[in-house]
């Protein structure tokens, strides 16, 4: 049970990190495309 809960905790942490990274990458992508569009004008 201890190993199982540790595994669940690790999986939860990794999924949180991945979600945060994806959100950050999406935020950067939107900002970069907005910047390039602004500079393109």
PDB file of N, CA and C in Angstrom:
ATOM      1  N   UNK A   1       0.849  -1.203   0.000  1.00  0.00           N
ATOM      2  CA  UNK A   1       0.000   0.000   0.000  1.00  0.00           C
ATOM      3  C   UNK A   1       0.883   1.251   0.000  1.00  0.00           C
ATOM      4  N   UNK A   2       1.999   1.210   0.722  1.00  0.00           N
ATOM      5  CA  UNK A   2       2.881   2.367   0.785  1.00  0.00           C
ATOM      6  C   UNK A   2       3.484   2.655  -0.592  1.00  0.00           C
ATOM      7  N   UNK A   3       3.943   1.590  -1.270  1.00  0.00           N
ATOM      8  CA  UNK A   3       4.500   1.761  -2.607  1.00  0.00           C
ATOM      9  C   UNK A   3       3.438   2.291  -3.561  1.00  0.00           C
ATOM     10  N   UNK A   4       2.218   1.781  -3.419  1.00  0.00           N
ATOM     11  CA  UNK A   4       1.122   2.198  -4.294  1.00  0.00           C
ATOM     12  C   UNK A   4       0.817   3.675  -4.110  1.00  0.00           C
ATOM     13  N   UNK A   5       0.738   4.131  -2.864  1.00  0.00           N
ATOM     14  CA  UNK A   5       0.430   5.543  -2.621  1.00  0.00           C
ATOM     15  C   UNK A   5       1.582   6.428  -3.094  1.00  0.00           C
ATOM     16  N   UNK A   6       2.817   5.934  -2.955  1.00  0.00           N
ATOM     17  CA  UNK A   6       3.969   6.694  -3.445  1.00  0.00           C
ATOM     18  C   UNK A   6       3.899   6.820  -4.969  1.00  0.00           C
ATOM     19  N   UNK A   7       3.537   5.721  -5.626  1.00  0.00           N
ATOM     20  CA  UNK A   7       3.398   5.740  -7.078  1.00  0.00           C
ATOM     21  C   UNK A   7       2.302   6.694  -7.522  1.00  0.00           C
ATOM     22  N   UNK A   8       1.197   6.698  -6.802  1.00  0.00           N
ATOM     23  CA  UNK A   8       0.091   7.613  -7.120  1.00  0.00           C
ATOM     24  C   UNK A   8       0.536   9.059  -6.946  1.00  0.00           C
ATOM     25  N   UNK A   9       1.286   9.316  -5.884  1.00  0.00           N
ATOM     26  CA  UNK A   9       1.765  10.674  -5.625  1.00  0.00           C
ATOM     27  C   UNK A   9       2.703  11.134  -6.738  1.00  0.00           C
ATOM     28  N   UNK A  10       3.612  10.239  -7.152  1.00  0.00           N
ATOM     29  CA  UNK A  10       4.552  10.573  -8.225  1.00  0.00           C
ATOM     30  C   UNK A  10       3.799  10.834  -9.531  1.00  0.00           C
ATOM     31  N   UNK A  11       2.838   9.966  -9.842  1.00  0.00           N
ATOM     32  CA  UNK A  11       2.073  10.131 -11.074  1.00  0.00           C
ATOM     33  C   UNK A  11       1.290  11.447 -11.038  1.00  0.00           C
ATOM     34  N   UNK A  12       0.734  11.767  -9.878  1.00  0.00           N
ATOM     35  CA  UNK A  12      -0.024  13.009  -9.723  1.00  0.00           C
ATOM     36  C   UNK A  12       0.893  14.217  -9.917  1.00  0.00           C
ATOM     37  N   UNK A  13       2.067  14.178  -9.310  1.00  0.00           N
ATOM     38  CA  UNK A  13       3.023  15.282  -9.429  1.00  0.00           C
ATOM     39  C   UNK A  13       3.465  15.459 -10.875  1.00  0.00           C
ATOM     40  N   UNK A  14       3.758  14.345 -11.539  1.00  0.00           N
ATOM     41  CA  UNK A  14       4.196  14.409 -12.931  1.00  0.00           C
ATOM     42  C   UNK A  14       3.094  14.969 -13.817  1.00  0.00           C
ATOM     43  N   UNK A  15       1.854  14.538 -13.598  1.00  0.00           N
ATOM     44  CA  UNK A  15       0.757  15.045 -14.421  1.00  0.00           C
ATOM     45  C   UNK A  15       0.545  16.539 -14.175  1.00  0.00           C
ATOM     46  N   UNK A  16       0.712  16.967 -12.925  1.00  0.00           N
ATOM     47  CA  UNK A  16       0.595  18.401 -12.624  1.00  0.00           C
ATOM     48  C   UNK A  16       1.692  19.186 -13.328  1.00  0.00           C
ATOM     49  N   UNK A  17       2.920  18.671 -13.284  1.00  0.00           N
ATOM     50  CA  UNK A  17       4.046  19.335 -13.936  1.00  0.00           C
ATOM     51  C   UNK A  17       3.821  19.404 -15.442  1.00  0.00           C
ATOM     52  N   UNK A  18       3.348  18.309 -16.028  1.00  0.00           N
ATOM     53  CA  UNK A  18       3.093  18.276 -17.470  1.00  0.00           C
ATOM     54  C   UNK A  18       2.007  19.267 -17.849  1.00  0.00           C
ATOM     55  N   UNK A  19       0.940  19.314 -17.046  1.00  0.00           N
ATOM     56  CA  UNK A  19      -0.154  20.247 -17.323  1.00  0.00           C
ATOM     57  C   UNK A  19       0.359  21.687 -17.237  1.00  0.00           C
ATOM     58  N   UNK A  20       1.164  21.975 -16.229  1.00  0.00           N
ATOM     59  CA  UNK A  20       1.724  23.310 -16.082  1.00  0.00           C
ATOM     60  C   UNK A  20       2.641  23.663 -17.237  1.00  0.00           C
ATOM     61  N   UNK A  21       3.467  22.704 -17.661  1.00  0.00           N
ATOM     62  CA  UNK A  21       4.386  22.943 -18.772  1.00  0.00           C
ATOM     63  C   UNK A  21       3.611  23.186 -20.064  1.00  0.00           C
ATOM     64  N   UNK A  22       2.562  22.384 -20.294  1.00  0.00           N
ATOM     65  CA  UNK A  22       1.753  22.555 -21.506  1.00  0.00           C
ATOM     66  C   UNK A  22       1.062  23.910 -21.495  1.00  0.00           C
ATOM     67  N   UNK A  23       0.551  24.306 -20.343  1.00  0.00           N
ATOM     68  CA  UNK A  23      -0.112  25.601 -20.226  1.00  0.00           C
ATOM     69  C   UNK A  23       0.876  26.730 -20.498  1.00  0.00           C
ATOM     70  N   UNK A  24       2.085  26.591 -19.945  1.00  0.00           N
ATOM     71  CA  UNK A  24       3.126  27.608 -20.129  1.00  0.00           C
ATOM     72  C   UNK A  24       3.550  27.688 -21.595  1.00  0.00           C
ATOM     73  N   UNK A  25       3.701  26.513 -22.238  1.00  0.00           N
ATOM     74  CA  UNK A  25       4.091  26.477 -23.654  1.00  0.00           C
ATOM     75  C   UNK A  25       2.998  27.109 -24.515  1.00  0.00           C
ATOM     76  N   UNK A  26       1.734  26.797 -24.199  1.00  0.00           N
ATOM     77  CA  UNK A  26       0.634  27.396 -24.941  1.00  0.00           C
ATOM     78  C   UNK A  26       0.614  28.911 -24.762  1.00  0.00           C
ATOM     79  N   UNK A  27       0.867  29.365 -23.551  1.00  0.00           N
ATOM     80  CA  UNK A  27       0.912  30.797 -23.244  1.00  0.00           C
ATOM     81  C   UNK A  27       2.025  31.464 -24.045  1.00  0.00           C
ATOM     82  N   UNK A  28       3.207  30.830 -24.056  1.00  0.00           N
ATOM     83  CA  UNK A  28       4.331  31.373 -24.813  1.00  0.00           C
ATOM     84  C   UNK A  28       4.015  31.408 -26.303  1.00  0.00           C
ATOM     85  N   UNK A  29       3.408  30.337 -26.816  1.00  0.00           N
ATOM     86  CA  UNK A  29       3.094  30.264 -28.243  1.00  0.00           C
ATOM     87  C   UNK A  29       2.135  31.378 -28.637  1.00  0.00           C
ATOM     88  N   UNK A  30       1.122  31.597 -27.812  1.00  0.00           N
ATOM     89  CA  UNK A  30       0.154  32.663 -28.095  1.00  0.00           C
ATOM     90  C   UNK A  30       0.851  34.021 -28.064  1.00  0.00           C
ATOM     91  N   UNK A  31       1.699  34.234 -27.069  1.00  0.00           N
ATOM     92  CA  UNK A  31       2.400  35.515 -26.955  1.00  0.00           C
ATOM     93  C   UNK A  31       3.345  35.741 -28.126  1.00  0.00           C
ATOM     94  N   UNK A  32       4.064  34.688 -28.526  1.00  0.00           N
ATOM     95  CA  UNK A  32       5.017  34.817 -29.634  1.00  0.00           C
ATOM     96  C   UNK A  32       4.279  35.092 -30.939  1.00  0.00           C
ATOM     97  N   UNK A  33       3.176  34.391 -31.172  1.00  0.00           N
ATOM     98  CA  UNK A  33       2.426  34.621 -32.404  1.00  0.00           C
ATOM     99  C   UNK A  33       1.819  36.019 -32.398  1.00  0.00           C
ATOM    100  N   UNK A  34       1.365  36.488 -31.240  1.00  0.00           N
ATOM    101  CA  UNK A  34       0.818  37.841 -31.143  1.00  0.00           C
ATOM    102  C   UNK A  34       1.927  38.860 -31.384  1.00  0.00           C
ATOM    103  N   UNK A  35       3.107  38.606 -30.824  1.00  0.00           N
ATOM    104  CA  UNK A  35       4.247  39.507 -31.008  1.00  0.00           C
ATOM    105  C   UNK A  35       4.664  39.569 -32.476  1.00  0.00           C
ATOM    106  N   UNK A  36       4.779  38.413 -33.111  1.00  0.00           N
ATOM    107  CA  UNK A  36       5.204  38.396 -34.504  1.00  0.00           C
ATOM    108  C   UNK A  36       4.148  39.045 -35.396  1.00  0.00           C
ATOM    109  N   UNK A  37       2.872  38.839 -35.051  1.00  0.00           N
ATOM    110  CA  UNK A  37       1.809  39.490 -35.815  1.00  0.00           C
ATOM    111  C   UNK A  37       1.879  40.995 -35.632  1.00  0.00           C
ATOM    112  N   UNK A  38       2.157  41.431 -34.418  1.00  0.00           N
ATOM    113  CA  UNK A  38       2.263  42.865 -34.120  1.00  0.00           C
ATOM    114  C   UNK A  38       3.469  43.462 -34.848  1.00  0.00           C
ATOM    115  N   UNK A  39       4.595  42.739 -34.803  1.00  0.00           N
ATOM    116  CA  UNK A  39       5.802  43.224 -35.474  1.00  0.00           C
ATOM    117  C   UNK A  39       5.644  43.151 -36.993  1.00  0.00           C
ATOM    118  N   UNK A  40       4.863  42.171 -37.449  1.00  0.00           N
ATOM    119  CA  UNK A  40       4.629  42.039 -38.895  1.00  0.00           C
ATOM    120  C   UNK A  40       3.866  43.234 -39.440  1.00  0.00           C
ATOM    121  N   UNK A  41       3.001  43.807 -38.599  1.00  0.00           N
ATOM    122  CA  UNK A  41       2.256  44.991 -39.024  1.00  0.00           C
ATOM    123  C   UNK A  41       3.214  46.178 -39.047  1.00  0.00           C
TER     124      UNK A  41
END
